[in-house]
Amino acid sequence: MRQVILFNKPYGVVCQFSADGKHPTLKDYIPIADVYAAGRLDTDSEGLLILTDDGRLQHQLAHPKHKLPKTYWVQVEGEMTEDALVALMRGVDLGDFVTAPAHAQSIAEPDGLWSRTPPVRFRLSVPTSWIALTITEGKNRQVRRMTAKVGFPTLRLIRAKIGNWTLDSLAPGQYRQLSVMELKNI
C-alpha cells in the first residue's frame, strides 16, 4: 500500500536521509524505510514536507508543471506595504526569471506558532510583520528572493500548506501517515 507522510520539518534539518555531518536529517525524525521527500525545504526553512514511497505521486507533488499551490507564512523585516503585496501578486523579476503571479496578504502572527531555535534575529529599531504567500512554482530560495526584491527581507519562512494538505497540529519534528481514507482522496 502507498505511504504518504506529512512532516513538520524543524529549522536546521536537511531534507535528505543520508547524513551530511553538520545537520540533523530526515532519518533523525522519520523511522520509515523507502520514503522520499516530494520537494524540498531549505535547511533554514520550516514547515510542511510531504514524503511518499510512490514515485508517481512524488513527481506529481514536486514537479513545477503540475503547479500545486504552496502557502508560506513569512515573517519579514519591516511593515509590509500594500505596494509590495501588489508587486508580489503581479510577479517579481528576480533577474534570472520572473515569478508567476502569487497570492499575497498581510496576516497576524499565526496562532499557535512554535518558537524557533535559534530565535529569529530582532532589531529593536526595525519592526517585523507577517504575510501569507501562495506560489505555484518553487525555485531555489524563491520566496526569500521575492520578499527581498520588494524590500522586505525574510526573517522566518514556514511552509503551511501544499495543495490541500496543511500542518494541522503537527509540532516541529512530528509526522503523521495519511490514513487509507485520506489516501483515497489523492
N, C-alpha and C. Protein backbone atom coordinates (compact mmCIF):
# COMPACT_ATOMS: atom_id res chain seq x y z
N MET A 1 0.83 -1.19 0.00
CA MET A 1 0.00 0.00 0.00
C MET A 1 0.87 1.25 0.00
N ARG A 2 0.43 2.25 -0.72
CA ARG A 2 1.15 3.51 -0.82
C ARG A 2 1.20 4.21 0.54
N GLN A 3 2.35 4.79 0.84
CA GLN A 3 2.52 5.56 2.06
C GLN A 3 2.69 7.03 1.72
N VAL A 4 2.00 7.89 2.46
CA VAL A 4 2.17 9.33 2.35
C VAL A 4 2.28 9.87 3.76
N ILE A 5 3.32 10.64 4.00
CA ILE A 5 3.63 11.16 5.34
C ILE A 5 3.69 12.67 5.29
N LEU A 6 3.02 13.31 6.23
CA LEU A 6 3.12 14.76 6.41
C LEU A 6 4.08 14.98 7.58
N PHE A 7 5.05 15.85 7.38
CA PHE A 7 6.10 16.08 8.37
C PHE A 7 6.28 17.58 8.56
N ASN A 8 6.39 18.01 9.82
CA ASN A 8 6.69 19.40 10.12
C ASN A 8 8.20 19.49 10.33
N LYS A 9 8.90 19.90 9.27
CA LYS A 9 10.36 19.96 9.30
C LYS A 9 10.82 21.12 10.18
N PRO A 10 11.62 20.82 11.20
CA PRO A 10 12.16 21.90 12.03
C PRO A 10 13.26 22.68 11.30
N TYR A 11 13.50 23.86 11.79
CA TYR A 11 14.62 24.68 11.33
C TYR A 11 15.92 23.89 11.52
N GLY A 12 16.81 23.95 10.55
CA GLY A 12 18.12 23.33 10.68
C GLY A 12 18.21 21.89 10.22
N VAL A 13 17.09 21.31 9.79
CA VAL A 13 17.08 19.92 9.34
C VAL A 13 17.25 19.89 7.82
N VAL A 14 18.11 18.99 7.34
CA VAL A 14 18.35 18.84 5.90
C VAL A 14 17.32 17.86 5.33
N CYS A 15 16.77 18.19 4.16
CA CYS A 15 15.74 17.36 3.51
C CYS A 15 16.35 16.18 2.76
N GLN A 16 17.03 15.33 3.50
CA GLN A 16 17.58 14.09 2.94
C GLN A 16 17.72 13.10 4.08
N PHE A 17 17.86 11.83 3.73
CA PHE A 17 18.01 10.80 4.75
C PHE A 17 19.46 10.48 5.05
N SER A 18 20.35 10.76 4.12
CA SER A 18 21.77 10.47 4.36
C SER A 18 22.41 11.59 5.18
N ALA A 19 23.30 11.19 6.08
CA ALA A 19 23.96 12.16 6.96
C ALA A 19 24.81 13.12 6.16
N ASP A 20 24.81 14.39 6.59
CA ASP A 20 25.68 15.36 5.92
C ASP A 20 26.80 15.83 6.85
N GLY A 21 26.81 15.36 8.09
CA GLY A 21 27.89 15.68 9.01
C GLY A 21 27.70 16.95 9.80
N LYS A 22 26.82 17.85 9.36
CA LYS A 22 26.63 19.13 10.04
C LYS A 22 25.25 19.29 10.66
N HIS A 23 24.24 18.74 9.99
CA HIS A 23 22.86 18.99 10.40
C HIS A 23 22.10 17.69 10.61
N PRO A 24 21.04 17.75 11.44
CA PRO A 24 20.16 16.59 11.51
C PRO A 24 19.48 16.38 10.15
N THR A 25 19.07 15.17 9.87
CA THR A 25 18.41 14.84 8.60
C THR A 25 17.04 14.23 8.87
N LEU A 26 16.33 13.92 7.81
CA LEU A 26 15.01 13.30 7.93
C LEU A 26 15.09 11.98 8.68
N LYS A 27 16.20 11.28 8.55
CA LYS A 27 16.39 9.98 9.22
C LYS A 27 16.31 10.12 10.74
N ASP A 28 16.69 11.30 11.26
CA ASP A 28 16.63 11.54 12.69
C ASP A 28 15.21 11.69 13.21
N TYR A 29 14.24 11.85 12.32
CA TYR A 29 12.85 12.09 12.71
C TYR A 29 11.87 11.06 12.19
N ILE A 30 12.16 10.44 11.06
CA ILE A 30 11.20 9.56 10.40
C ILE A 30 11.81 8.16 10.26
N PRO A 31 11.37 7.22 11.10
CA PRO A 31 11.94 5.87 11.09
C PRO A 31 11.23 4.93 10.11
N ILE A 32 10.87 5.43 8.96
CA ILE A 32 10.13 4.65 7.98
C ILE A 32 11.01 4.48 6.75
N ALA A 33 11.17 3.25 6.31
CA ALA A 33 12.06 2.96 5.17
C ALA A 33 11.38 3.26 3.84
N ASP A 34 12.20 3.58 2.87
CA ASP A 34 11.79 3.70 1.47
C ASP A 34 10.78 4.79 1.18
N VAL A 35 10.80 5.88 1.96
CA VAL A 35 10.00 7.06 1.61
C VAL A 35 10.97 8.17 1.26
N TYR A 36 10.51 9.06 0.40
CA TYR A 36 11.36 10.14 -0.10
C TYR A 36 10.57 11.44 -0.11
N ALA A 37 11.27 12.53 0.08
CA ALA A 37 10.62 13.84 0.09
C ALA A 37 10.13 14.19 -1.30
N ALA A 38 8.91 14.69 -1.35
CA ALA A 38 8.33 15.20 -2.60
C ALA A 38 8.52 16.71 -2.57
N GLY A 39 9.67 17.16 -3.02
CA GLY A 39 10.04 18.56 -2.92
C GLY A 39 11.02 18.75 -1.78
N ARG A 40 11.41 19.99 -1.57
CA ARG A 40 12.43 20.27 -0.57
C ARG A 40 12.07 21.54 0.19
N LEU A 41 12.69 21.69 1.32
CA LEU A 41 12.70 22.94 2.06
C LEU A 41 14.16 23.20 2.43
N ASP A 42 14.59 24.43 2.29
CA ASP A 42 15.95 24.77 2.67
C ASP A 42 16.17 24.46 4.15
N THR A 43 17.41 24.28 4.53
CA THR A 43 17.75 23.98 5.91
C THR A 43 17.24 25.06 6.85
N ASP A 44 17.26 26.33 6.40
CA ASP A 44 16.81 27.42 7.26
C ASP A 44 15.33 27.74 7.12
N SER A 45 14.57 26.86 6.48
CA SER A 45 13.12 26.99 6.38
C SER A 45 12.47 25.89 7.20
N GLU A 46 11.22 26.12 7.57
CA GLU A 46 10.49 25.18 8.43
C GLU A 46 9.18 24.80 7.76
N GLY A 47 8.53 23.78 8.31
CA GLY A 47 7.15 23.53 7.93
C GLY A 47 6.91 22.27 7.16
N LEU A 48 5.80 22.27 6.43
CA LEU A 48 5.24 21.08 5.81
C LEU A 48 6.12 20.51 4.72
N LEU A 49 6.39 19.22 4.87
CA LEU A 49 7.12 18.44 3.88
C LEU A 49 6.32 17.15 3.70
N ILE A 50 6.12 16.75 2.46
CA ILE A 50 5.41 15.51 2.17
C ILE A 50 6.42 14.47 1.73
N LEU A 51 6.31 13.28 2.29
CA LEU A 51 7.16 12.16 1.91
C LEU A 51 6.27 11.02 1.43
N THR A 52 6.76 10.25 0.47
CA THR A 52 5.98 9.14 -0.05
C THR A 52 6.91 8.06 -0.60
N ASP A 53 6.36 6.87 -0.74
CA ASP A 53 7.08 5.78 -1.39
C ASP A 53 6.58 5.58 -2.82
N ASP A 54 5.67 6.44 -3.26
CA ASP A 54 5.06 6.36 -4.59
C ASP A 54 5.77 7.34 -5.52
N GLY A 55 6.60 6.82 -6.42
CA GLY A 55 7.38 7.68 -7.33
C GLY A 55 6.52 8.58 -8.19
N ARG A 56 5.38 8.07 -8.66
CA ARG A 56 4.49 8.88 -9.49
C ARG A 56 3.92 10.06 -8.70
N LEU A 57 3.48 9.79 -7.48
CA LEU A 57 2.95 10.86 -6.63
C LEU A 57 4.06 11.84 -6.26
N GLN A 58 5.23 11.34 -5.96
CA GLN A 58 6.36 12.21 -5.63
C GLN A 58 6.62 13.18 -6.78
N HIS A 59 6.63 12.67 -8.01
CA HIS A 59 6.86 13.51 -9.19
C HIS A 59 5.73 14.54 -9.33
N GLN A 60 4.51 14.10 -9.15
CA GLN A 60 3.35 15.00 -9.29
C GLN A 60 3.40 16.13 -8.27
N LEU A 61 3.79 15.82 -7.04
CA LEU A 61 3.84 16.83 -5.99
C LEU A 61 5.01 17.79 -6.18
N ALA A 62 6.13 17.29 -6.68
CA ALA A 62 7.34 18.10 -6.74
C ALA A 62 7.53 18.84 -8.06
N HIS A 63 6.99 18.33 -9.15
CA HIS A 63 7.30 18.90 -10.46
C HIS A 63 6.54 20.21 -10.70
N PRO A 64 7.24 21.25 -11.13
CA PRO A 64 6.61 22.56 -11.34
C PRO A 64 5.49 22.56 -12.38
N LYS A 65 5.51 21.63 -13.33
CA LYS A 65 4.48 21.66 -14.37
C LYS A 65 3.09 21.39 -13.82
N HIS A 66 3.00 20.77 -12.64
CA HIS A 66 1.70 20.49 -12.03
C HIS A 66 1.14 21.68 -11.26
N LYS A 67 2.00 22.67 -11.00
CA LYS A 67 1.60 23.93 -10.37
C LYS A 67 0.75 23.76 -9.11
N LEU A 68 1.18 22.87 -8.25
CA LEU A 68 0.49 22.66 -6.99
C LEU A 68 0.76 23.87 -6.09
N PRO A 69 -0.29 24.53 -5.59
CA PRO A 69 -0.05 25.72 -4.77
C PRO A 69 0.58 25.37 -3.43
N LYS A 70 1.53 26.20 -3.03
CA LYS A 70 2.21 26.06 -1.75
C LYS A 70 2.07 27.39 -1.01
N THR A 71 1.58 27.33 0.22
CA THR A 71 1.39 28.54 1.01
C THR A 71 2.43 28.61 2.11
N TYR A 72 3.04 29.76 2.22
CA TYR A 72 4.09 30.01 3.21
C TYR A 72 3.65 31.13 4.14
N TRP A 73 3.99 30.98 5.42
CA TRP A 73 3.89 32.09 6.36
C TRP A 73 5.29 32.69 6.41
N VAL A 74 5.36 33.97 6.14
CA VAL A 74 6.67 34.61 6.01
C VAL A 74 6.75 35.80 6.97
N GLN A 75 7.70 35.75 7.88
CA GLN A 75 7.98 36.90 8.74
C GLN A 75 9.04 37.72 8.03
N VAL A 76 8.74 38.99 7.81
CA VAL A 76 9.67 39.85 7.09
C VAL A 76 10.12 41.00 7.98
N GLU A 77 11.24 41.55 7.60
CA GLU A 77 11.77 42.72 8.30
C GLU A 77 11.04 43.95 7.78
N GLY A 78 10.44 44.71 8.68
CA GLY A 78 9.70 45.91 8.29
C GLY A 78 8.20 45.65 8.25
N GLU A 79 7.45 46.73 8.11
CA GLU A 79 5.99 46.65 8.00
C GLU A 79 5.64 46.53 6.52
N MET A 80 5.16 45.36 6.12
CA MET A 80 4.81 45.10 4.72
C MET A 80 3.83 46.15 4.21
N THR A 81 4.08 46.66 3.00
CA THR A 81 3.22 47.67 2.41
C THR A 81 2.29 47.06 1.37
N GLU A 82 1.24 47.79 1.07
CA GLU A 82 0.30 47.36 0.04
C GLU A 82 0.99 47.31 -1.32
N ASP A 83 1.87 48.27 -1.60
CA ASP A 83 2.60 48.26 -2.88
C ASP A 83 3.46 47.00 -3.03
N ALA A 84 4.10 46.59 -1.96
CA ALA A 84 4.93 45.38 -2.01
C ALA A 84 4.05 44.15 -2.22
N LEU A 85 2.90 44.09 -1.56
CA LEU A 85 1.99 42.96 -1.76
C LEU A 85 1.51 42.89 -3.21
N VAL A 86 1.18 44.05 -3.78
CA VAL A 86 0.74 44.10 -5.19
C VAL A 86 1.86 43.61 -6.11
N ALA A 87 3.09 44.01 -5.82
CA ALA A 87 4.23 43.56 -6.64
C ALA A 87 4.37 42.04 -6.57
N LEU A 88 4.21 41.46 -5.39
CA LEU A 88 4.28 40.01 -5.25
C LEU A 88 3.16 39.34 -6.04
N MET A 89 1.98 39.94 -6.01
CA MET A 89 0.83 39.36 -6.71
C MET A 89 0.96 39.45 -8.23
N ARG A 90 1.67 40.44 -8.71
CA ARG A 90 1.85 40.60 -10.17
C ARG A 90 2.96 39.69 -10.71
N GLY A 91 3.91 39.32 -9.85
CA GLY A 91 5.10 38.59 -10.30
C GLY A 91 6.30 39.49 -10.17
N VAL A 92 7.41 38.93 -9.75
CA VAL A 92 8.61 39.71 -9.45
C VAL A 92 9.74 39.28 -10.37
N ASP A 93 10.41 40.28 -10.97
CA ASP A 93 11.57 39.99 -11.81
C ASP A 93 12.78 39.78 -10.91
N LEU A 94 13.24 38.53 -10.86
CA LEU A 94 14.38 38.20 -10.00
C LEU A 94 15.70 38.17 -10.76
N GLY A 95 15.68 38.65 -11.99
CA GLY A 95 16.90 38.69 -12.79
C GLY A 95 17.04 37.48 -13.67
N ASP A 96 17.03 36.27 -13.07
CA ASP A 96 17.16 35.06 -13.87
C ASP A 96 15.80 34.52 -14.32
N PHE A 97 14.71 35.00 -13.72
CA PHE A 97 13.36 34.67 -14.17
C PHE A 97 12.38 35.62 -13.50
N VAL A 98 11.18 35.69 -14.08
CA VAL A 98 10.09 36.47 -13.50
C VAL A 98 9.13 35.46 -12.87
N THR A 99 8.82 35.67 -11.61
CA THR A 99 7.92 34.74 -10.92
C THR A 99 6.52 34.84 -11.48
N ALA A 100 5.79 33.76 -11.39
CA ALA A 100 4.37 33.77 -11.74
C ALA A 100 3.63 34.62 -10.70
N PRO A 101 2.50 35.16 -11.06
CA PRO A 101 1.72 35.89 -10.05
C PRO A 101 1.45 35.00 -8.84
N ALA A 102 1.49 35.62 -7.68
CA ALA A 102 1.29 34.91 -6.42
C ALA A 102 0.08 35.48 -5.72
N HIS A 103 -0.38 34.80 -4.71
CA HIS A 103 -1.39 35.37 -3.82
C HIS A 103 -0.66 35.81 -2.57
N ALA A 104 -0.83 37.06 -2.17
CA ALA A 104 -0.11 37.60 -1.02
C ALA A 104 -1.05 38.44 -0.18
N GLN A 105 -0.97 38.26 1.12
CA GLN A 105 -1.77 39.10 2.02
C GLN A 105 -1.06 39.22 3.35
N SER A 106 -1.25 40.35 3.98
CA SER A 106 -0.73 40.56 5.33
C SER A 106 -1.56 39.73 6.30
N ILE A 107 -0.89 39.14 7.29
CA ILE A 107 -1.57 38.36 8.31
C ILE A 107 -0.98 38.70 9.67
N ALA A 108 -1.72 38.35 10.72
CA ALA A 108 -1.17 38.43 12.07
C ALA A 108 -0.23 37.24 12.24
N GLU A 109 0.62 37.30 13.24
CA GLU A 109 1.47 36.13 13.51
C GLU A 109 0.56 34.91 13.67
N PRO A 110 0.85 33.82 12.99
CA PRO A 110 -0.04 32.65 13.04
C PRO A 110 -0.26 32.14 14.47
N ASP A 111 -1.51 31.75 14.75
CA ASP A 111 -1.86 31.20 16.06
C ASP A 111 -1.08 29.92 16.33
N GLY A 112 -0.68 29.76 17.57
CA GLY A 112 -0.02 28.52 17.98
C GLY A 112 1.37 28.33 17.41
N LEU A 113 1.97 29.40 16.90
CA LEU A 113 3.29 29.28 16.29
C LEU A 113 4.33 28.93 17.36
N TRP A 114 5.12 27.95 17.05
CA TRP A 114 6.16 27.48 17.96
C TRP A 114 7.35 28.43 17.92
N SER A 115 8.13 28.43 18.99
CA SER A 115 9.35 29.22 19.00
C SER A 115 10.40 28.49 18.17
N ARG A 116 11.35 29.23 17.68
CA ARG A 116 12.38 28.64 16.83
C ARG A 116 13.72 28.66 17.55
N THR A 117 14.49 27.61 17.36
CA THR A 117 15.85 27.55 17.90
C THR A 117 16.81 27.41 16.72
N PRO A 118 17.69 28.39 16.50
CA PRO A 118 17.85 29.61 17.27
C PRO A 118 16.73 30.59 16.94
N PRO A 119 16.50 31.55 17.86
CA PRO A 119 15.44 32.52 17.60
C PRO A 119 15.77 33.40 16.40
N VAL A 120 14.72 33.97 15.84
CA VAL A 120 14.88 34.92 14.73
C VAL A 120 15.58 36.16 15.26
N ARG A 121 16.48 36.72 14.46
CA ARG A 121 17.18 37.94 14.90
C ARG A 121 16.19 39.11 14.91
N PHE A 122 16.27 39.90 15.94
CA PHE A 122 15.41 41.07 16.05
C PHE A 122 16.26 42.30 16.23
N ARG A 123 15.79 43.38 15.65
CA ARG A 123 16.43 44.69 15.86
C ARG A 123 15.36 45.58 16.47
N LEU A 124 15.65 46.15 17.59
CA LEU A 124 14.65 46.95 18.30
C LEU A 124 14.12 48.09 17.46
N SER A 125 14.94 48.64 16.58
CA SER A 125 14.54 49.80 15.79
C SER A 125 13.78 49.42 14.51
N VAL A 126 13.70 48.13 14.19
CA VAL A 126 13.04 47.70 12.95
C VAL A 126 11.92 46.72 13.28
N PRO A 127 10.67 47.08 12.98
CA PRO A 127 9.56 46.15 13.26
C PRO A 127 9.58 44.99 12.28
N THR A 128 8.79 43.98 12.58
CA THR A 128 8.60 42.86 11.66
C THR A 128 7.11 42.71 11.39
N SER A 129 6.78 42.00 10.32
CA SER A 129 5.39 41.72 10.01
C SER A 129 5.31 40.35 9.34
N TRP A 130 4.10 39.85 9.19
CA TRP A 130 3.87 38.53 8.60
C TRP A 130 3.01 38.64 7.36
N ILE A 131 3.29 37.79 6.39
CA ILE A 131 2.43 37.66 5.22
C ILE A 131 2.18 36.17 4.97
N ALA A 132 1.09 35.90 4.28
CA ALA A 132 0.85 34.57 3.73
C ALA A 132 1.09 34.71 2.24
N LEU A 133 1.95 33.88 1.69
CA LEU A 133 2.32 33.95 0.28
C LEU A 133 2.09 32.58 -0.34
N THR A 134 1.27 32.54 -1.39
CA THR A 134 0.99 31.28 -2.08
C THR A 134 1.57 31.36 -3.48
N ILE A 135 2.44 30.40 -3.80
CA ILE A 135 3.07 30.34 -5.11
C ILE A 135 2.80 28.97 -5.73
N THR A 136 2.95 28.90 -7.04
CA THR A 136 2.78 27.61 -7.74
C THR A 136 4.09 27.13 -8.33
N GLU A 137 5.13 27.89 -8.10
CA GLU A 137 6.46 27.48 -8.55
C GLU A 137 7.18 26.90 -7.33
N GLY A 138 8.45 26.98 -7.30
CA GLY A 138 9.19 26.51 -6.15
C GLY A 138 10.67 26.46 -6.47
N LYS A 139 11.14 27.51 -7.09
CA LYS A 139 12.56 27.54 -7.45
C LYS A 139 13.40 27.82 -6.22
N ASN A 140 14.69 27.59 -6.34
CA ASN A 140 15.60 27.70 -5.22
C ASN A 140 15.50 29.06 -4.53
N ARG A 141 15.16 29.03 -3.25
CA ARG A 141 15.06 30.21 -2.39
C ARG A 141 14.13 31.29 -2.96
N GLN A 142 13.13 30.86 -3.70
CA GLN A 142 12.26 31.80 -4.40
C GLN A 142 11.53 32.77 -3.47
N VAL A 143 10.91 32.28 -2.41
CA VAL A 143 10.16 33.17 -1.53
C VAL A 143 11.09 34.20 -0.90
N ARG A 144 12.24 33.78 -0.44
CA ARG A 144 13.19 34.71 0.17
C ARG A 144 13.64 35.77 -0.84
N ARG A 145 13.87 35.34 -2.06
CA ARG A 145 14.29 36.29 -3.10
C ARG A 145 13.17 37.26 -3.45
N MET A 146 11.93 36.75 -3.47
CA MET A 146 10.79 37.61 -3.80
C MET A 146 10.60 38.70 -2.75
N THR A 147 10.60 38.33 -1.47
CA THR A 147 10.36 39.34 -0.44
C THR A 147 11.52 40.34 -0.38
N ALA A 148 12.74 39.86 -0.58
CA ALA A 148 13.88 40.78 -0.60
C ALA A 148 13.77 41.76 -1.76
N LYS A 149 13.35 41.27 -2.91
CA LYS A 149 13.26 42.12 -4.11
C LYS A 149 12.26 43.25 -3.91
N VAL A 150 11.18 43.00 -3.15
CA VAL A 150 10.20 44.07 -2.92
C VAL A 150 10.52 44.87 -1.66
N GLY A 151 11.71 44.64 -1.08
CA GLY A 151 12.20 45.49 0.00
C GLY A 151 11.96 44.98 1.41
N PHE A 152 11.56 43.71 1.55
CA PHE A 152 11.25 43.17 2.86
C PHE A 152 11.92 41.81 3.04
N PRO A 153 13.17 41.80 3.52
CA PRO A 153 13.89 40.53 3.67
C PRO A 153 13.17 39.55 4.60
N THR A 154 13.21 38.29 4.23
CA THR A 154 12.59 37.23 5.03
C THR A 154 13.45 36.96 6.26
N LEU A 155 12.78 36.90 7.41
CA LEU A 155 13.43 36.53 8.66
C LEU A 155 13.11 35.08 9.04
N ARG A 156 11.88 34.67 8.74
CA ARG A 156 11.44 33.32 9.08
C ARG A 156 10.49 32.85 7.99
N LEU A 157 10.66 31.59 7.57
CA LEU A 157 9.87 31.04 6.47
C LEU A 157 9.31 29.68 6.87
N ILE A 158 7.98 29.58 6.87
CA ILE A 158 7.30 28.35 7.28
C ILE A 158 6.32 27.95 6.19
N ARG A 159 6.50 26.75 5.62
CA ARG A 159 5.52 26.28 4.64
C ARG A 159 4.35 25.69 5.43
N ALA A 160 3.17 26.26 5.22
CA ALA A 160 1.98 25.89 5.99
C ALA A 160 1.05 24.96 5.22
N LYS A 161 1.14 24.96 3.87
CA LYS A 161 0.17 24.20 3.09
C LYS A 161 0.77 23.81 1.75
N ILE A 162 0.47 22.60 1.30
CA ILE A 162 0.81 22.13 -0.05
C ILE A 162 -0.48 21.53 -0.61
N GLY A 163 -1.01 22.12 -1.67
CA GLY A 163 -2.28 21.64 -2.20
C GLY A 163 -3.33 21.72 -1.10
N ASN A 164 -3.97 20.59 -0.78
CA ASN A 164 -4.99 20.56 0.28
C ASN A 164 -4.44 20.11 1.62
N TRP A 165 -3.15 19.78 1.70
CA TRP A 165 -2.56 19.32 2.95
C TRP A 165 -2.01 20.49 3.74
N THR A 166 -2.22 20.46 5.06
CA THR A 166 -1.74 21.53 5.93
C THR A 166 -0.94 20.95 7.09
N LEU A 167 -0.29 21.83 7.81
CA LEU A 167 0.44 21.43 9.00
C LEU A 167 -0.49 20.91 10.10
N ASP A 168 -1.73 21.33 10.07
CA ASP A 168 -2.68 20.99 11.13
C ASP A 168 -2.04 21.26 12.48
N SER A 169 -2.00 20.27 13.34
CA SER A 169 -1.45 20.47 14.68
C SER A 169 -0.11 19.78 14.86
N LEU A 170 0.59 19.51 13.75
CA LEU A 170 1.90 18.87 13.86
C LEU A 170 2.92 19.85 14.45
N ALA A 171 3.54 19.45 15.53
CA ALA A 171 4.62 20.25 16.11
C ALA A 171 5.90 20.00 15.31
N PRO A 172 6.88 20.89 15.39
CA PRO A 172 8.13 20.65 14.69
C PRO A 172 8.72 19.29 15.07
N GLY A 173 9.11 18.53 14.05
CA GLY A 173 9.68 17.21 14.26
C GLY A 173 8.66 16.09 14.28
N GLN A 174 7.38 16.43 14.30
CA GLN A 174 6.34 15.41 14.29
C GLN A 174 5.92 15.09 12.87
N TYR A 175 5.45 13.86 12.68
CA TYR A 175 4.91 13.45 11.39
C TYR A 175 3.67 12.62 11.62
N ARG A 176 2.89 12.46 10.57
CA ARG A 176 1.77 11.54 10.62
C ARG A 176 1.58 10.94 9.24
N GLN A 177 1.18 9.66 9.23
CA GLN A 177 0.91 8.98 7.98
C GLN A 177 -0.56 9.20 7.64
N LEU A 178 -0.83 9.44 6.35
CA LEU A 178 -2.22 9.60 5.93
C LEU A 178 -2.93 8.26 6.07
N SER A 179 -4.19 8.32 6.43
CA SER A 179 -4.99 7.11 6.59
C SER A 179 -5.40 6.57 5.22
N VAL A 180 -5.93 5.36 5.22
CA VAL A 180 -6.41 4.75 3.98
C VAL A 180 -7.47 5.63 3.34
N MET A 181 -8.38 6.20 4.16
CA MET A 181 -9.44 7.07 3.63
C MET A 181 -8.83 8.34 3.03
N GLU A 182 -7.85 8.92 3.68
CA GLU A 182 -7.21 10.12 3.15
C GLU A 182 -6.49 9.82 1.84
N LEU A 183 -5.89 8.66 1.74
CA LEU A 183 -5.19 8.28 0.52
C LEU A 183 -6.14 8.11 -0.66
N LYS A 184 -7.37 7.74 -0.41
CA LYS A 184 -8.35 7.59 -1.49
C LYS A 184 -8.66 8.92 -2.16
N ASN A 185 -8.43 10.02 -1.45
CA ASN A 185 -8.74 11.36 -1.99
C ASN A 185 -7.58 11.98 -2.75
N ILE A 186 -6.50 11.24 -2.92
CA ILE A 186 -5.34 11.79 -3.64
C ILE A 186 -5.56 11.63 -5.13
